[in-house]
N, C-alpha and C. Protein backbone atom coordinates (compact mmCIF):
# COMPACT_ATOMS: atom_id res chain seq x y z
N MET A 1 -3.29 -34.34 20.47
CA MET A 1 -2.84 -33.11 21.22
C MET A 1 -1.69 -32.54 20.51
N ARG A 2 -0.87 -33.13 20.00
CA ARG A 2 0.24 -32.73 19.23
C ARG A 2 -0.11 -32.06 17.84
N GLN A 3 -0.98 -32.64 17.29
CA GLN A 3 -1.76 -32.16 16.09
C GLN A 3 -2.35 -30.72 16.23
N LEU A 4 -3.06 -30.60 17.41
CA LEU A 4 -3.82 -29.32 17.93
C LEU A 4 -2.55 -28.32 18.12
N THR A 5 -1.54 -28.68 18.85
CA THR A 5 -0.59 -27.72 19.14
C THR A 5 0.09 -27.33 17.86
N PHE A 6 0.37 -28.21 16.93
CA PHE A 6 0.89 -27.91 15.63
C PHE A 6 0.06 -26.89 14.91
N LEU A 7 -1.16 -27.07 14.85
CA LEU A 7 -1.97 -26.15 14.19
C LEU A 7 -2.10 -24.79 14.76
N VAL A 8 -2.16 -24.72 15.97
CA VAL A 8 -2.04 -23.60 16.87
C VAL A 8 -0.93 -22.71 16.56
N LEU A 9 0.28 -23.49 16.44
CA LEU A 9 1.62 -22.58 16.18
C LEU A 9 1.68 -22.21 14.81
N LEU A 10 1.04 -23.12 13.87
CA LEU A 10 0.99 -22.71 12.48
C LEU A 10 0.23 -21.50 12.27
N CYS A 11 -0.95 -21.44 12.94
CA CYS A 11 -1.88 -20.22 12.73
C CYS A 11 -1.16 -18.93 13.41
N ILE A 12 -0.46 -19.07 14.49
CA ILE A 12 0.27 -17.89 14.92
C ILE A 12 1.22 -17.61 14.04
N ALA A 13 2.31 -18.42 13.33
CA ALA A 13 3.07 -18.06 12.45
C ALA A 13 2.56 -17.44 11.20
N LEU A 14 1.39 -17.81 10.93
CA LEU A 14 0.89 -17.17 9.65
C LEU A 14 0.20 -15.86 9.98
N LEU A 15 -0.32 -15.54 11.03
CA LEU A 15 -0.75 -14.40 11.32
C LEU A 15 0.40 -13.30 11.53
N HIS A 16 1.60 -13.89 12.18
CA HIS A 16 2.61 -13.09 12.24
C HIS A 16 3.47 -12.77 10.96
N SER A 17 3.32 -13.52 10.05
CA SER A 17 4.03 -13.34 8.63
C SER A 17 3.10 -12.09 8.03
N ASP A 18 1.77 -12.44 8.02
CA ASP A 18 0.82 -11.45 7.47
C ASP A 18 1.15 -10.11 8.07
N ALA A 19 1.18 -9.89 9.35
CA ALA A 19 1.34 -8.60 10.07
C ALA A 19 2.54 -8.09 9.56
N MET A 20 3.67 -8.67 9.34
CA MET A 20 4.94 -8.19 8.84
C MET A 20 4.86 -7.70 7.53
N ALA A 21 3.90 -8.15 6.64
CA ALA A 21 3.97 -7.60 5.09
C ALA A 21 3.61 -6.16 5.06
N LYS A 22 3.98 -5.54 4.00
CA LYS A 22 3.89 -4.14 3.79
C LYS A 22 3.66 -3.88 2.31
N SER A 23 3.10 -2.74 2.28
CA SER A 23 2.77 -2.27 0.75
C SER A 23 3.29 -0.84 0.75
N ILE A 24 4.03 -0.60 -0.36
CA ILE A 24 4.79 0.76 -0.49
C ILE A 24 4.44 1.26 -1.88
N ARG A 25 3.67 2.40 -2.14
CA ARG A 25 3.57 2.83 -3.37
C ARG A 25 3.98 4.32 -3.42
N THR A 26 5.00 4.58 -4.47
CA THR A 26 5.71 5.93 -4.46
C THR A 26 5.50 6.26 -6.03
N THR A 27 5.31 7.74 -6.24
CA THR A 27 5.31 8.38 -7.32
C THR A 27 6.10 9.47 -7.36
N GLN A 28 6.83 9.77 -8.56
CA GLN A 28 7.71 10.89 -8.61
C GLN A 28 7.85 11.48 -10.05
N GLY A 29 7.53 12.81 -10.23
CA GLY A 29 7.67 13.56 -11.60
C GLY A 29 6.37 13.06 -12.47
N GLY A 30 5.18 12.78 -12.07
CA GLY A 30 4.30 12.34 -12.94
C GLY A 30 3.44 13.73 -13.46
N GLY A 31 2.97 13.53 -14.51
CA GLY A 31 2.18 14.81 -15.11
C GLY A 31 0.67 14.59 -15.09
N PRO A 32 0.04 15.54 -15.58
CA PRO A 32 -1.49 15.56 -15.51
C PRO A 32 -2.14 14.36 -16.07
N ASP A 33 -1.39 13.70 -17.02
CA ASP A 33 -2.21 12.57 -17.72
C ASP A 33 -1.62 11.32 -17.18
N GLY A 34 -0.57 11.25 -16.23
CA GLY A 34 -0.16 10.00 -15.63
C GLY A 34 1.54 10.03 -15.89
N PHE A 35 1.86 8.64 -15.76
CA PHE A 35 3.36 8.35 -15.82
C PHE A 35 3.98 7.84 -16.89
N ASP A 36 5.18 7.88 -17.04
CA ASP A 36 5.92 7.30 -18.21
C ASP A 36 6.26 5.79 -17.71
N PHE A 37 6.78 5.57 -16.52
CA PHE A 37 7.29 4.21 -15.89
C PHE A 37 6.53 3.79 -14.96
N THR A 38 5.88 2.60 -14.95
CA THR A 38 5.22 2.21 -13.74
C THR A 38 5.64 0.43 -13.63
N GLN A 39 5.80 0.37 -12.42
CA GLN A 39 6.35 -1.00 -11.97
C GLN A 39 5.69 -1.34 -10.63
N ARG A 40 5.34 -2.75 -10.72
CA ARG A 40 4.68 -3.33 -9.50
C ARG A 40 5.53 -4.80 -8.97
N VAL A 41 6.01 -4.79 -7.90
CA VAL A 41 7.01 -5.81 -7.69
C VAL A 41 6.51 -6.41 -6.32
N GLU A 42 6.38 -7.82 -6.29
CA GLU A 42 6.14 -8.35 -5.03
C GLU A 42 7.28 -9.18 -4.57
N ASP A 43 7.58 -9.11 -3.14
CA ASP A 43 8.79 -9.70 -2.74
C ASP A 43 8.48 -10.27 -1.19
N GLU A 44 8.29 -11.59 -1.17
CA GLU A 44 8.09 -12.23 0.19
C GLU A 44 6.81 -11.48 0.84
N GLY A 45 5.74 -11.09 0.17
CA GLY A 45 4.63 -10.81 0.64
C GLY A 45 4.43 -9.30 0.67
N ASP A 46 5.72 -8.57 0.52
CA ASP A 46 5.60 -7.09 0.44
C ASP A 46 5.37 -6.68 -1.15
N VAL A 47 4.76 -5.50 -1.21
CA VAL A 47 4.29 -5.13 -2.51
C VAL A 47 4.85 -3.60 -2.58
N PHE A 48 5.61 -3.39 -3.67
CA PHE A 48 6.17 -2.10 -4.20
C PHE A 48 5.65 -1.66 -5.37
N ILE A 49 5.21 -0.49 -5.39
CA ILE A 49 4.71 0.06 -6.65
C ILE A 49 5.38 1.38 -6.87
N THR A 50 6.02 1.48 -7.99
CA THR A 50 6.72 2.50 -8.31
C THR A 50 6.51 3.19 -9.65
N CYS A 51 6.21 4.45 -9.63
CA CYS A 51 5.81 5.28 -10.88
C CYS A 51 6.53 6.44 -11.10
N SER A 52 7.05 6.68 -12.30
CA SER A 52 7.76 8.05 -12.52
C SER A 52 7.76 8.47 -13.78
N GLY A 53 8.13 9.77 -13.81
CA GLY A 53 8.23 10.36 -15.24
C GLY A 53 6.73 10.73 -15.84
N GLU A 54 6.84 11.92 -16.39
CA GLU A 54 5.54 12.53 -17.10
C GLU A 54 5.10 11.61 -18.36
N GLY A 55 4.03 11.13 -18.30
CA GLY A 55 3.49 10.15 -19.26
C GLY A 55 2.03 10.18 -19.40
N ASP A 56 1.66 8.99 -19.93
CA ASP A 56 0.01 8.80 -20.22
C ASP A 56 -0.46 7.62 -19.44
N SER A 57 0.32 6.84 -18.67
CA SER A 57 -0.04 5.54 -17.95
C SER A 57 -0.46 5.99 -16.41
N ASP A 58 -1.63 5.38 -15.93
CA ASP A 58 -2.15 5.38 -14.69
C ASP A 58 -1.07 4.62 -13.82
N CYS A 59 -0.94 5.09 -12.63
CA CYS A 59 -0.05 4.27 -11.58
C CYS A 59 -0.86 3.36 -10.73
N PRO A 60 -0.49 2.09 -10.87
CA PRO A 60 -1.44 1.04 -10.24
C PRO A 60 -1.64 1.38 -8.72
N THR A 61 -2.63 0.76 -8.07
CA THR A 61 -2.93 1.16 -6.71
C THR A 61 -3.25 -0.38 -6.20
N GLU A 62 -3.35 -1.56 -6.94
CA GLU A 62 -3.60 -2.83 -6.50
C GLU A 62 -2.52 -3.37 -5.89
N VAL A 63 -2.90 -3.90 -4.46
CA VAL A 63 -1.94 -4.72 -3.85
C VAL A 63 -2.26 -6.12 -3.55
N TYR A 64 -3.54 -6.44 -3.88
CA TYR A 64 -4.22 -7.74 -3.70
C TYR A 64 -4.13 -8.46 -2.49
N ILE A 65 -3.75 -7.60 -1.32
CA ILE A 65 -4.00 -8.13 -0.02
C ILE A 65 -5.22 -7.44 0.46
N PRO A 66 -6.27 -8.09 0.86
CA PRO A 66 -7.63 -7.19 1.25
C PRO A 66 -7.33 -6.19 2.21
N ALA A 67 -6.99 -6.46 3.43
CA ALA A 67 -6.61 -5.45 4.54
C ALA A 67 -5.80 -4.27 4.03
N GLU A 68 -4.66 -4.43 3.27
CA GLU A 68 -3.92 -3.56 2.70
C GLU A 68 -4.56 -2.72 1.66
N GLN A 69 -5.26 -3.55 0.66
CA GLN A 69 -5.84 -2.77 -0.29
C GLN A 69 -6.88 -1.61 0.28
N TYR A 70 -7.58 -2.01 1.15
CA TYR A 70 -8.66 -1.02 1.88
C TYR A 70 -7.84 0.16 2.30
N LEU A 71 -6.71 0.05 2.99
CA LEU A 71 -5.98 1.16 3.50
C LEU A 71 -5.18 1.95 2.25
N VAL A 72 -4.83 1.28 1.25
CA VAL A 72 -4.36 1.91 0.23
C VAL A 72 -5.46 2.86 -0.46
N ASP A 73 -6.52 2.30 -0.60
CA ASP A 73 -7.65 2.93 -1.26
C ASP A 73 -8.21 4.01 -0.42
N TYR A 74 -8.15 3.86 0.85
CA TYR A 74 -8.48 4.92 1.91
C TYR A 74 -7.44 6.16 1.78
N ALA A 75 -6.02 5.84 1.54
CA ALA A 75 -5.12 6.96 1.43
C ALA A 75 -5.29 7.60 0.07
N VAL A 76 -5.51 6.98 -1.03
CA VAL A 76 -5.72 7.57 -2.33
C VAL A 76 -6.93 8.42 -2.17
N ALA A 77 -8.02 8.01 -1.52
CA ALA A 77 -9.25 8.75 -1.52
C ALA A 77 -8.98 9.92 -0.67
N GLN A 78 -8.19 9.94 0.34
CA GLN A 78 -7.88 11.03 1.14
C GLN A 78 -7.15 11.97 0.40
N ILE A 79 -6.10 11.85 -0.30
CA ILE A 79 -5.30 12.56 -1.17
C ILE A 79 -6.19 13.38 -2.30
N GLN A 80 -6.95 12.56 -3.02
CA GLN A 80 -7.75 13.05 -4.01
C GLN A 80 -8.79 14.03 -3.59
N SER A 81 -9.22 13.97 -2.08
CA SER A 81 -10.08 14.79 -1.53
C SER A 81 -9.53 16.00 -0.94
N GLY A 82 -8.05 16.17 -0.98
CA GLY A 82 -7.29 17.18 -0.57
C GLY A 82 -6.54 17.37 0.73
N ASN A 83 -6.70 15.98 1.41
CA ASN A 83 -5.86 15.74 2.69
C ASN A 83 -4.59 15.08 2.06
N LEU A 84 -3.69 16.01 2.01
CA LEU A 84 -2.39 15.52 1.28
C LEU A 84 -1.45 14.96 2.22
N ALA A 85 -1.68 14.87 3.53
CA ALA A 85 -0.80 14.26 4.61
C ALA A 85 -1.43 13.71 5.54
N GLY A 86 -1.19 12.52 5.94
CA GLY A 86 -1.90 12.06 7.20
C GLY A 86 -1.46 10.43 7.39
N SER A 87 -2.16 9.91 8.44
CA SER A 87 -2.23 8.55 8.67
C SER A 87 -3.28 8.03 9.34
N PHE A 88 -3.48 6.67 9.44
CA PHE A 88 -4.81 5.96 9.79
C PHE A 88 -4.33 4.70 10.36
N THR A 89 -4.91 4.16 11.55
CA THR A 89 -4.70 2.92 11.77
C THR A 89 -6.10 2.10 11.92
N ASP A 90 -6.08 1.06 11.20
CA ASP A 90 -7.31 0.00 11.15
C ASP A 90 -7.27 -0.82 12.16
N THR A 91 -8.08 -0.54 13.24
CA THR A 91 -8.06 -1.30 14.50
C THR A 91 -8.41 -2.92 14.24
N SER A 92 -9.24 -3.17 13.03
CA SER A 92 -9.62 -4.44 12.81
C SER A 92 -8.46 -5.41 12.35
N SER A 93 -7.45 -4.83 11.61
CA SER A 93 -6.41 -5.44 10.96
C SER A 93 -5.03 -5.07 11.83
N GLY A 94 -5.16 -3.98 12.65
CA GLY A 94 -3.81 -3.62 13.33
C GLY A 94 -2.91 -2.93 12.30
N LEU A 95 -3.18 -2.65 11.10
CA LEU A 95 -2.38 -2.05 10.03
C LEU A 95 -2.42 -0.56 10.18
N ASP A 96 -1.20 0.06 9.72
CA ASP A 96 -1.25 1.50 9.68
C ASP A 96 -0.92 1.97 8.19
N VAL A 97 -1.51 2.99 7.87
CA VAL A 97 -1.26 3.58 6.57
C VAL A 97 -0.89 4.93 6.98
N SER A 98 0.31 5.41 5.95
CA SER A 98 0.60 6.86 6.02
C SER A 98 0.66 7.30 4.64
N TRP A 99 0.45 8.46 4.46
CA TRP A 99 0.40 9.23 3.11
C TRP A 99 1.04 10.56 2.91
N LEU A 100 1.55 10.98 1.81
CA LEU A 100 2.02 12.29 1.82
C LEU A 100 2.00 12.37 0.19
N SER A 101 1.53 13.51 -0.33
CA SER A 101 1.48 14.05 -1.55
C SER A 101 1.68 15.43 -1.72
N ASP A 102 2.17 15.97 -2.84
CA ASP A 102 2.27 17.35 -3.14
C ASP A 102 1.13 17.94 -3.92
N ASN A 103 0.16 17.18 -4.43
CA ASN A 103 -1.20 17.58 -4.96
C ASN A 103 -2.11 16.42 -5.12
N THR A 104 -3.31 16.70 -5.54
CA THR A 104 -4.34 15.63 -5.46
C THR A 104 -4.19 14.80 -6.64
N ILE A 105 -3.58 14.84 -7.62
CA ILE A 105 -3.17 13.97 -8.73
C ILE A 105 -2.12 13.10 -8.43
N MET A 106 -1.43 13.25 -7.41
CA MET A 106 -0.37 12.46 -6.88
C MET A 106 0.85 12.35 -7.70
N SER A 107 1.26 13.47 -8.37
CA SER A 107 2.49 13.49 -9.18
C SER A 107 3.76 13.05 -8.31
N ASN A 108 3.75 13.54 -7.12
CA ASN A 108 4.86 13.18 -6.24
C ASN A 108 4.17 12.63 -4.99
N SER A 109 4.24 11.23 -4.62
CA SER A 109 3.50 10.91 -3.41
C SER A 109 4.08 9.51 -2.89
N SER A 110 3.58 9.32 -1.78
CA SER A 110 4.10 8.20 -0.93
C SER A 110 2.87 7.48 -0.13
N ILE A 111 2.59 6.29 -0.24
CA ILE A 111 1.67 5.63 0.61
C ILE A 111 2.31 4.49 1.14
N THR A 112 2.26 4.30 2.47
CA THR A 112 2.90 3.02 3.01
C THR A 112 1.90 2.42 4.07
N VAL A 113 1.84 1.11 3.81
CA VAL A 113 1.11 0.39 4.67
C VAL A 113 1.82 -0.64 5.45
N GLU A 114 1.88 -0.68 6.67
CA GLU A 114 2.51 -1.73 7.58
C GLU A 114 1.77 -2.11 8.66
């Protein structure tokens, strides 16, 4: 019985820690061909992607957490289709995504999944 209780508590802790993870992707000052500086940092389950300056590199969108990746991809598709600001809640994962961009190439944009 103690092992079962421990396993249940461990599962709850893991689910809670995953729910607290977030992904944030921000861009600033990009040009028509991309960005000069791109960085992807992971910190205790959180993913931060930062891209800036006019250059020729694509800004990454990979967060490698399947539920969060789905929402980042969703936000990118929304922006590229002209829906420059919005939010969406994925009821299956309980995660929210919000996005804001000044144009469809995401020269200055923010995507947050929590």
